[in-house]
PDB file of N, CA and C in Angstrom:
ATOM      1  N   MET A   1       0.795  -1.142  -0.058  1.00  0.00           N
ATOM      2  CA  MET A   1      -0.136   0.116   0.162  1.00  0.00           C
ATOM      3  C   MET A   1       0.886   1.288  -0.054  1.00  0.00           C
ATOM      4  N   ILE A   2       0.575   2.097  -0.616  1.00  0.00           N
ATOM      5  CA  ILE A   2       1.329   3.455  -0.786  1.00  0.00           C
ATOM      6  C   ILE A   2       0.178   4.693  -0.647  1.00  0.00           C
ATOM      7  N   GLN A   3       0.600   5.422   0.310  1.00  0.00           N
ATOM      8  CA  GLN A   3      -0.315   6.674   0.670  1.00  0.00           C
ATOM      9  C   GLN A   3       0.540   7.952   0.617  1.00  0.00           C
ATOM     10  N   ILE A   4       0.163   8.663  -0.402  1.00  0.00           N
ATOM     11  CA  ILE A   4       0.607  10.070  -0.319  1.00  0.00           C
ATOM     12  C   ILE A   4      -0.206  11.080  -0.003  1.00  0.00           C
ATOM     13  N   GLY A   5       0.004  11.923   1.138  1.00  0.00           N
ATOM     14  CA  GLY A   5      -1.129  12.639   1.543  1.00  0.00           C
ATOM     15  C   GLY A   5      -2.030  11.958   2.633  1.00  0.00           C
ATOM     16  N   GLU A   6      -3.330  12.776   2.732  1.00  0.00           N
ATOM     17  CA  GLU A   6      -4.237  11.940   3.673  1.00  0.00           C
ATOM     18  C   GLU A   6      -5.742  11.732   2.861  1.00  0.00           C
ATOM     19  N   SER A   7      -5.540  12.005   1.588  1.00  0.00           N
ATOM     20  CA  SER A   7      -6.737  11.831   0.903  1.00  0.00           C
ATOM     21  C   SER A   7      -7.272  10.412   0.800  1.00  0.00           C
ATOM     22  N   ALA A   8      -6.642   9.495   1.130  1.00  0.00           N
ATOM     23  CA  ALA A   8      -6.787   8.260   1.389  1.00  0.00           C
ATOM     24  C   ALA A   8      -7.612   7.852   2.824  1.00  0.00           C
ATOM     25  N   GLY A   9      -7.451   8.926   3.904  1.00  0.00           N
ATOM     26  CA  GLY A   9      -7.409   8.593   5.288  1.00  0.00           C
ATOM     27  C   GLY A   9      -6.563   8.782   5.964  1.00  0.00           C
ATOM     28  N   ALA A  10      -6.736   9.240   7.253  1.00  0.00           N
ATOM     29  CA  ALA A  10      -5.551   9.527   8.070  1.00  0.00           C
ATOM     30  C   ALA A  10      -5.098   8.191   8.972  1.00  0.00           C
ATOM     31  N   GLU A  11      -6.102   7.267   8.921  1.00  0.00           N
ATOM     32  CA  GLU A  11      -5.432   6.032   9.595  1.00  0.00           C
ATOM     33  C   GLU A  11      -5.589   4.799   8.682  1.00  0.00           C
ATOM     34  N   LEU A  12      -4.913   3.707   9.268  1.00  0.00           N
ATOM     35  CA  LEU A  12      -4.766   2.514   8.386  1.00  0.00           C
ATOM     36  C   LEU A  12      -4.887   1.285   9.610  1.00  0.00           C
ATOM     37  N   ALA A  13      -5.771   0.522   9.391  1.00  0.00           N
ATOM     38  CA  ALA A  13      -5.887  -0.804  10.178  1.00  0.00           C
ATOM     39  C   ALA A  13      -5.410  -2.164   9.662  1.00  0.00           C
ATOM     40  N   LEU A  14      -4.296  -2.644  10.198  1.00  0.00           N
ATOM     41  CA  LEU A  14      -3.631  -3.766   9.440  1.00  0.00           C
ATOM     42  C   LEU A  14      -3.784  -4.847  10.638  1.00  0.00           C
ATOM     43  N   ALA A  15      -4.215  -6.116  10.165  1.00  0.00           N
ATOM     44  CA  ALA A  15      -4.186  -7.166  11.185  1.00  0.00           C
ATOM     45  C   ALA A  15      -2.835  -7.556  11.532  1.00  0.00           C
ATOM     46  N   ALA A  16      -2.394  -7.879  12.779  1.00  0.00           N
ATOM     47  CA  ALA A  16      -0.804  -8.307  13.239  1.00  0.00           C
ATOM     48  C   ALA A  16      -0.530  -9.557  12.293  1.00  0.00           C
ATOM     49  N   SER A  17      -1.445 -10.431  11.992  1.00  0.00           N
ATOM     50  CA  SER A  17      -1.107 -11.549  11.322  1.00  0.00           C
ATOM     51  C   SER A  17      -0.478 -11.193  10.003  1.00  0.00           C
ATOM     52  N   SER A  18      -0.867 -10.182   9.417  1.00  0.00           N
ATOM     53  CA  SER A  18      -0.286  -9.866   8.058  1.00  0.00           C
ATOM     54  C   SER A  18       1.239  -9.482   8.120  1.00  0.00           C
ATOM     55  N   LEU A  19       1.594  -8.811   9.344  1.00  0.00           N
ATOM     56  CA  LEU A  19       2.807  -8.326   9.671  1.00  0.00           C
ATOM     57  C   LEU A  19       3.634  -9.485   9.913  1.00  0.00           C
ATOM     58  N   ARG A  20       3.289 -10.386  10.555  1.00  0.00           N
ATOM     59  CA  ARG A  20       4.015 -11.546  10.820  1.00  0.00           C
ATOM     60  C   ARG A  20       4.407 -12.510   9.672  1.00  0.00           C
ATOM     61  N   THR A  21       3.413 -12.576   8.753  1.00  0.00           N
ATOM     62  CA  THR A  21       3.421 -13.755   7.979  1.00  0.00           C
ATOM     63  C   THR A  21       3.867 -12.975   6.476  1.00  0.00           C
ATOM     64  N   SER A  22       3.844 -11.893   6.281  1.00  0.00           N
ATOM     65  CA  SER A  22       3.964 -11.607   4.728  1.00  0.00           C
ATOM     66  C   SER A  22       5.176 -10.611   4.301  1.00  0.00           C
ATOM     67  N   GLY A  23       6.188 -10.527   5.308  1.00  0.00           N
ATOM     68  CA  GLY A  23       7.396  -9.648   5.039  1.00  0.00           C
ATOM     69  C   GLY A  23       6.937  -8.445   4.712  1.00  0.00           C
ATOM     70  N   VAL A  24       5.767  -7.664   5.175  1.00  0.00           N
ATOM     71  CA  VAL A  24       5.673  -6.370   4.902  1.00  0.00           C
ATOM     72  C   VAL A  24       6.496  -5.467   5.682  1.00  0.00           C
ATOM     73  N   GLU A  25       7.012  -4.586   4.998  1.00  0.00           N
ATOM     74  CA  GLU A  25       7.794  -3.384   5.665  1.00  0.00           C
ATOM     75  C   GLU A  25       6.982  -2.115   5.685  1.00  0.00           C
ATOM     76  N   ILE A  26       7.200  -1.211   6.719  1.00  0.00           N
ATOM     77  CA  ILE A  26       6.768  -0.337   6.787  1.00  0.00           C
ATOM     78  C   ILE A  26       7.583   1.003   6.922  1.00  0.00           C
ATOM     79  N   TYR A  27       7.460   2.047   6.125  1.00  0.00           N
ATOM     80  CA  TYR A  27       8.422   2.975   5.999  1.00  0.00           C
ATOM     81  C   TYR A  27       7.495   4.601   6.247  1.00  0.00           C
ATOM     82  N   GLY A  28       7.878   5.499   6.958  1.00  0.00           N
ATOM     83  CA  GLY A  28       7.033   6.606   7.236  1.00  0.00           C
ATOM     84  C   GLY A  28       8.036   7.600   6.402  1.00  0.00           C
ATOM     85  N   ALA A  29       7.036   8.702   6.160  1.00  0.00           N
ATOM     86  CA  ALA A  29       7.816   9.663   5.646  1.00  0.00           C
ATOM     87  C   ALA A  29       6.893  11.103   6.129  1.00  0.00           C
ATOM     88  N   ALA A  30       7.455  12.233   6.009  1.00  0.00           N
ATOM     89  CA  ALA A  30       6.780  13.534   6.495  1.00  0.00           C
ATOM     90  C   ALA A  30       7.208  14.388   5.708  1.00  0.00           C
ATOM     91  N   LYS A  31       6.626  15.662   5.791  1.00  0.00           N
ATOM     92  CA  LYS A  31       6.770  17.083   4.881  1.00  0.00           C
ATOM     93  C   LYS A  31       8.356  17.408   5.327  1.00  0.00           C
ATOM     94  N   GLY A  32       8.756  18.070   4.516  1.00  0.00           N
ATOM     95  CA  GLY A  32      10.184  18.561   4.456  1.00  0.00           C
ATOM     96  C   GLY A  32      11.056  17.414   3.723  1.00  0.00           C
ATOM     97  N   LEU A  33      10.774  16.374   3.348  1.00  0.00           N
ATOM     98  CA  LEU A  33      11.822  15.969   2.519  1.00  0.00           C
ATOM     99  C   LEU A  33      12.349  16.423   1.534  1.00  0.00           C
ATOM    100  N   ALA A  34      13.785  16.198   1.122  1.00  0.00           N
ATOM    101  CA  ALA A  34      14.246  16.956   0.068  1.00  0.00           C
ATOM    102  C   ALA A  34      13.838  16.422  -1.328  1.00  0.00           C
ATOM    103  N   PRO A  35      13.619  17.357  -2.157  1.00  0.00           N
ATOM    104  CA  PRO A  35      13.001  16.680  -3.706  1.00  0.00           C
ATOM    105  C   PRO A  35      13.693  15.608  -4.186  1.00  0.00           C
ATOM    106  N   GLN A  36      14.993  15.581  -3.762  1.00  0.00           N
ATOM    107  CA  GLN A  36      15.878  14.553  -4.544  1.00  0.00           C
ATOM    108  C   GLN A  36      15.437  13.083  -3.718  1.00  0.00           C
ATOM    109  N   THR A  37      15.228  13.171  -2.336  1.00  0.00           N
ATOM    110  CA  THR A  37      14.987  12.083  -1.556  1.00  0.00           C
ATOM    111  C   THR A  37      13.193  11.594  -2.241  1.00  0.00           C
ATOM    112  N   MET A  38      12.425  12.544  -2.359  1.00  0.00           N
ATOM    113  CA  MET A  38      11.189  12.159  -3.036  1.00  0.00           C
ATOM    114  C   MET A  38      11.335  11.560  -4.277  1.00  0.00           C
ATOM    115  N   ASP A  39      12.354  12.091  -5.223  1.00  0.00           N
ATOM    116  CA  ASP A  39      12.503  11.347  -6.295  1.00  0.00           C
ATOM    117  C   ASP A  39      13.095  10.070  -6.341  1.00  0.00           C
ATOM    118  N   GLU A  40      14.146   9.845  -5.450  1.00  0.00           N
ATOM    119  CA  GLU A  40      14.464   8.544  -5.242  1.00  0.00           C
ATOM    120  C   GLU A  40      13.612   7.474  -4.925  1.00  0.00           C
ATOM    121  N   VAL A  41      12.554   7.724  -3.983  1.00  0.00           N
ATOM    122  CA  VAL A  41      11.515   7.127  -3.224  1.00  0.00           C
ATOM    123  C   VAL A  41      10.627   6.597  -4.330  1.00  0.00           C
ATOM    124  N   TYR A  42      10.263   7.698  -5.223  1.00  0.00           N
ATOM    125  CA  TYR A  42       9.338   7.779  -6.288  1.00  0.00           C
ATOM    126  C   TYR A  42       9.863   6.203  -7.525  1.00  0.00           C
ATOM    127  N   GLN A  43      11.194   6.492  -7.704  1.00  0.00           N
ATOM    128  CA  GLN A  43      12.083   5.698  -8.781  1.00  0.00           C
ATOM    129  C   GLN A  43      11.965   4.415  -8.123  1.00  0.00           C
ATOM    130  N   GLN A  44      12.306   4.027  -7.041  1.00  0.00           N
ATOM    131  CA  GLN A  44      12.035   2.937  -6.055  1.00  0.00           C
ATOM    132  C   GLN A  44      10.923   2.273  -6.340  1.00  0.00           C
ATOM    133  N   ILE A  45       9.832   2.878  -5.878  1.00  0.00           N
ATOM    134  CA  ILE A  45       8.613   2.342  -6.403  1.00  0.00           C
ATOM    135  C   ILE A  45       8.328   1.792  -7.514  1.00  0.00           C
ATOM    136  N   VAL A  46       8.756   2.644  -8.677  1.00  0.00           N
ATOM    137  CA  VAL A  46       8.567   2.434 -10.065  1.00  0.00           C
ATOM    138  C   VAL A  46       9.105   1.032 -10.427  1.00  0.00           C
ATOM    139  N   THR A  47      10.616   1.117  -9.721  1.00  0.00           N
ATOM    140  CA  THR A  47      11.256  -0.101 -10.176  1.00  0.00           C
ATOM    141  C   THR A  47      10.515  -1.699  -9.451  1.00  0.00           C
ATOM    142  N   TRP A  48      10.217  -1.183  -8.151  1.00  0.00           N
ATOM    143  CA  TRP A  48       9.463  -2.425  -7.700  1.00  0.00           C
ATOM    144  C   TRP A  48       8.267  -2.833  -8.498  1.00  0.00           C
ATOM    145  N   THR A  49       7.500  -1.895  -8.833  1.00  0.00           N
ATOM    146  CA  THR A  49       6.174  -2.157  -9.488  1.00  0.00           C
ATOM    147  C   THR A  49       6.475  -2.948 -10.965  1.00  0.00           C
ATOM    148  N   ARG A  50       7.624  -2.377 -11.618  1.00  0.00           N
ATOM    149  CA  ARG A  50       7.949  -2.972 -12.916  1.00  0.00           C
ATOM    150  C   ARG A  50       8.589  -4.572 -12.488  1.00  0.00           C
ATOM    151  N   SER A  51       9.101  -4.741 -11.434  1.00  0.00           N
ATOM    152  CA  SER A  51       9.856  -5.983 -11.423  1.00  0.00           C
ATOM    153  C   SER A  51       8.809  -7.104 -10.983  1.00  0.00           C
ATOM    154  N   GLY A  52       7.491  -6.433 -10.541  1.00  0.00           N
ATOM    155  CA  GLY A  52       6.401  -7.456  -9.915  1.00  0.00           C
ATOM    156  C   GLY A  52       6.812  -7.491  -8.511  1.00  0.00           C
ATOM    157  N   GLU A  53       7.809  -6.955  -7.773  1.00  0.00           N
ATOM    158  CA  GLU A  53       7.678  -6.985  -6.289  1.00  0.00           C
ATOM    159  C   GLU A  53       6.588  -6.393  -5.679  1.00  0.00           C
ATOM    160  N   LEU A  54       6.138  -5.149  -6.354  1.00  0.00           N
ATOM    161  CA  LEU A  54       4.805  -4.367  -5.817  1.00  0.00           C
ATOM    162  C   LEU A  54       3.943  -4.544  -6.594  1.00  0.00           C
ATOM    163  N   THR A  55       2.507  -5.240  -6.182  1.00  0.00           N
ATOM    164  CA  THR A  55       1.590  -5.271  -6.997  1.00  0.00           C
ATOM    165  C   THR A  55       0.314  -4.757  -6.499  1.00  0.00           C
ATOM    166  N   PHE A  56      -0.562  -4.526  -7.441  1.00  0.00           N
ATOM    167  CA  PHE A  56      -1.685  -3.766  -7.085  1.00  0.00           C
ATOM    168  C   PHE A  56      -2.946  -4.600  -7.442  1.00  0.00           C
ATOM    169  N   ASP A  57      -3.858  -4.975  -6.688  1.00  0.00           N
ATOM    170  CA  ASP A  57      -4.972  -5.721  -7.055  1.00  0.00           C
ATOM    171  C   ASP A  57      -5.939  -4.862  -7.609  1.00  0.00           C
ATOM    172  N   VAL A  58      -6.301  -4.842  -8.827  1.00  0.00           N
ATOM    173  CA  VAL A  58      -6.924  -3.847  -9.439  1.00  0.00           C
ATOM    174  C   VAL A  58      -8.082  -4.534 -10.530  1.00  0.00           C
ATOM    175  N   GLU A  59      -9.118  -3.929 -10.675  1.00  0.00           N
ATOM    176  CA  GLU A  59     -10.133  -4.399 -11.756  1.00  0.00           C
ATOM    177  C   GLU A  59     -10.473  -3.259 -12.824  1.00  0.00           C
ATOM    178  N   LYS A  60     -10.106  -3.516 -14.132  1.00  0.00           N
ATOM    179  CA  LYS A  60     -10.498  -2.327 -15.097  1.00  0.00           C
ATOM    180  C   LYS A  60     -11.906  -2.784 -15.499  1.00  0.00           C
ATOM    181  N   VAL A  61     -12.347  -1.322 -15.723  1.00  0.00           N
ATOM    182  CA  VAL A  61     -13.823  -1.136 -15.936  1.00  0.00           C
ATOM    183  C   VAL A  61     -13.996  -0.145 -17.062  1.00  0.00           C
ATOM    184  N   PRO A  62     -14.989  -0.343 -18.191  1.00  0.00           N
ATOM    185  CA  PRO A  62     -14.787   0.808 -19.202  1.00  0.00           C
ATOM    186  C   PRO A  62     -15.846   1.969 -18.491  1.00  0.00           C
ATOM    187  N   LEU A  63     -15.542   3.169 -18.981  1.00  0.00           N
ATOM    188  CA  LEU A  63     -15.999   4.428 -18.535  1.00  0.00           C
ATOM    189  C   LEU A  63     -17.651   4.392 -18.937  1.00  0.00           C
ATOM    190  N   SER A  64     -18.011   3.539 -19.860  1.00  0.00           N
ATOM    191  CA  SER A  64     -19.262   3.104 -20.150  1.00  0.00           C
ATOM    192  C   SER A  64     -20.179   2.750 -19.188  1.00  0.00           C
ATOM    193  N   ASP A  65     -19.325   1.949 -18.156  1.00  0.00           N
ATOM    194  CA  ASP A  65     -20.004   0.998 -16.962  1.00  0.00           C
ATOM    195  C   ASP A  65     -19.779   1.864 -15.705  1.00  0.00           C
ATOM    196  N   ILE A  66     -19.622   3.228 -15.723  1.00  0.00           N
ATOM    197  CA  ILE A  66     -19.291   3.882 -14.577  1.00  0.00           C
ATOM    198  C   ILE A  66     -20.227   4.022 -13.248  1.00  0.00           C
ATOM    199  N   GLU A  67     -21.398   3.975 -14.214  1.00  0.00           N
ATOM    200  CA  GLU A  67     -22.856   4.069 -13.023  1.00  0.00           C
ATOM    201  C   GLU A  67     -22.893   3.007 -12.162  1.00  0.00           C
ATOM    202  N   THR A  68     -22.665   1.693 -12.980  1.00  0.00           N
ATOM    203  CA  THR A  68     -22.548   0.372 -12.138  1.00  0.00           C
ATOM    204  C   THR A  68     -21.396   0.225 -11.349  1.00  0.00           C
ATOM    205  N   ALA A  69     -20.199   0.464 -11.989  1.00  0.00           N
ATOM    206  CA  ALA A  69     -18.957   0.496 -11.136  1.00  0.00           C
ATOM    207  C   ALA A  69     -19.136   1.143  -9.919  1.00  0.00           C
ATOM    208  N   TRP A  70     -19.542   2.360  -9.843  1.00  0.00           N
ATOM    209  CA  TRP A  70     -19.522   3.336  -8.746  1.00  0.00           C
ATOM    210  C   TRP A  70     -20.073   2.847  -7.403  1.00  0.00           C
ATOM    211  N   GLN A  71     -21.254   1.876  -7.824  1.00  0.00           N
ATOM    212  CA  GLN A  71     -22.025   1.385  -6.851  1.00  0.00           C
ATOM    213  C   GLN A  71     -21.726   0.003  -6.213  1.00  0.00           C
ATOM    214  N   ARG A  72     -20.509  -0.437  -6.908  1.00  0.00           N
ATOM    215  CA  ARG A  72     -20.336  -1.860  -6.248  1.00  0.00           C
ATOM    216  C   ARG A  72     -19.892  -1.824  -5.177  1.00  0.00           C
ATOM    217  N   THR A  73     -20.107  -3.018  -4.301  1.00  0.00           N
ATOM    218  CA  THR A  73     -19.715  -3.027  -2.926  1.00  0.00           C
ATOM    219  C   THR A  73     -18.815  -4.578  -2.812  1.00  0.00           C
ATOM    220  N   ASP A  74     -18.515  -5.249  -3.825  1.00  0.00           N
ATOM    221  CA  ASP A  74     -17.994  -6.325  -3.655  1.00  0.00           C
ATOM    222  C   ASP A  74     -16.425  -6.394  -4.141  1.00  0.00           C
ATOM    223  N   LEU A  75     -15.568  -5.344  -3.751  1.00  0.00           N
ATOM    224  CA  LEU A  75     -14.422  -5.219  -4.073  1.00  0.00           C
ATOM    225  C   LEU A  75     -13.310  -5.931  -3.258  1.00  0.00           C
ATOM    226  N   LYS A  76     -13.508  -5.784  -2.096  1.00  0.00           N
ATOM    227  CA  LYS A  76     -12.741  -6.479  -0.979  1.00  0.00           C
ATOM    228  C   LYS A  76     -11.320  -6.238  -1.422  1.00  0.00           C
ATOM    229  N   GLY A  77     -10.889  -4.728  -1.279  1.00  0.00           N
ATOM    230  CA  GLY A  77      -9.689  -4.352  -1.269  1.00  0.00           C
ATOM    231  C   GLY A  77      -9.183  -4.140  -2.547  1.00  0.00           C
ATOM    232  N   ARG A  78      -9.680  -4.453  -3.818  1.00  0.00           N
ATOM    233  CA  ARG A  78      -9.370  -4.254  -4.998  1.00  0.00           C
ATOM    234  C   ARG A  78      -9.795  -2.802  -5.323  1.00  0.00           C
ATOM    235  N   ARG A  79      -8.937  -2.292  -6.110  1.00  0.00           N
ATOM    236  CA  ARG A  79      -9.354  -1.164  -6.684  1.00  0.00           C
ATOM    237  C   ARG A  79      -9.852  -0.903  -8.146  1.00  0.00           C
ATOM    238  N   LEU A  80     -10.711   0.088  -8.632  1.00  0.00           N
ATOM    239  CA  LEU A  80     -11.260  -0.084  -9.881  1.00  0.00           C
ATOM    240  C   LEU A  80     -10.281   1.138 -10.534  1.00  0.00           C
ATOM    241  N   ILE A  81      -9.996   0.714 -11.907  1.00  0.00           N
ATOM    242  CA  ILE A  81      -9.389   1.407 -12.762  1.00  0.00           C
ATOM    243  C   ILE A  81     -10.283   1.681 -14.142  1.00  0.00           C
ATOM    244  N   VAL A  82     -10.823   2.753 -13.996  1.00  0.00           N
ATOM    245  CA  VAL A  82     -11.841   3.347 -14.955  1.00  0.00           C
ATOM    246  C   VAL A  82     -10.831   3.742 -16.579  1.00  0.00           C
ATOM    247  N   MET A  83     -11.494   2.813 -17.570  1.00  0.00           N
ATOM    248  CA  MET A  83     -10.829   2.941 -18.952  1.00  0.00           C
ATOM    249  C   MET A  83     -11.487   3.661 -19.933  1.00  0.00           C
ATOM    250  N   PRO A  84     -10.833   4.557 -20.296  1.00  0.00           N
ATOM    251  CA  PRO A  84     -11.905   5.375 -21.673  1.00  0.00           C
ATOM    252  C   PRO A  84     -12.476   4.336 -22.523  1.00  0.00           C
TER     253      PRO A  84
END
């Protein structure tokens, strides 16, 4: 999970078992980081994503189905990607 800012919410609930069994690593960041540091962090995230080390559970839906997609409650952690 990646959170930049608080638009996703100020808190995160995480089961203790997921920390013990998944190899999850938690890093914090705060305002005031140098632009170079932010660039390095972003580049690392891109590298992990391209290599498959960091994955995102997503489902693509066409824009023409946005009304139905908006009302869905069955995603269970997946994110919708609306495609033109």
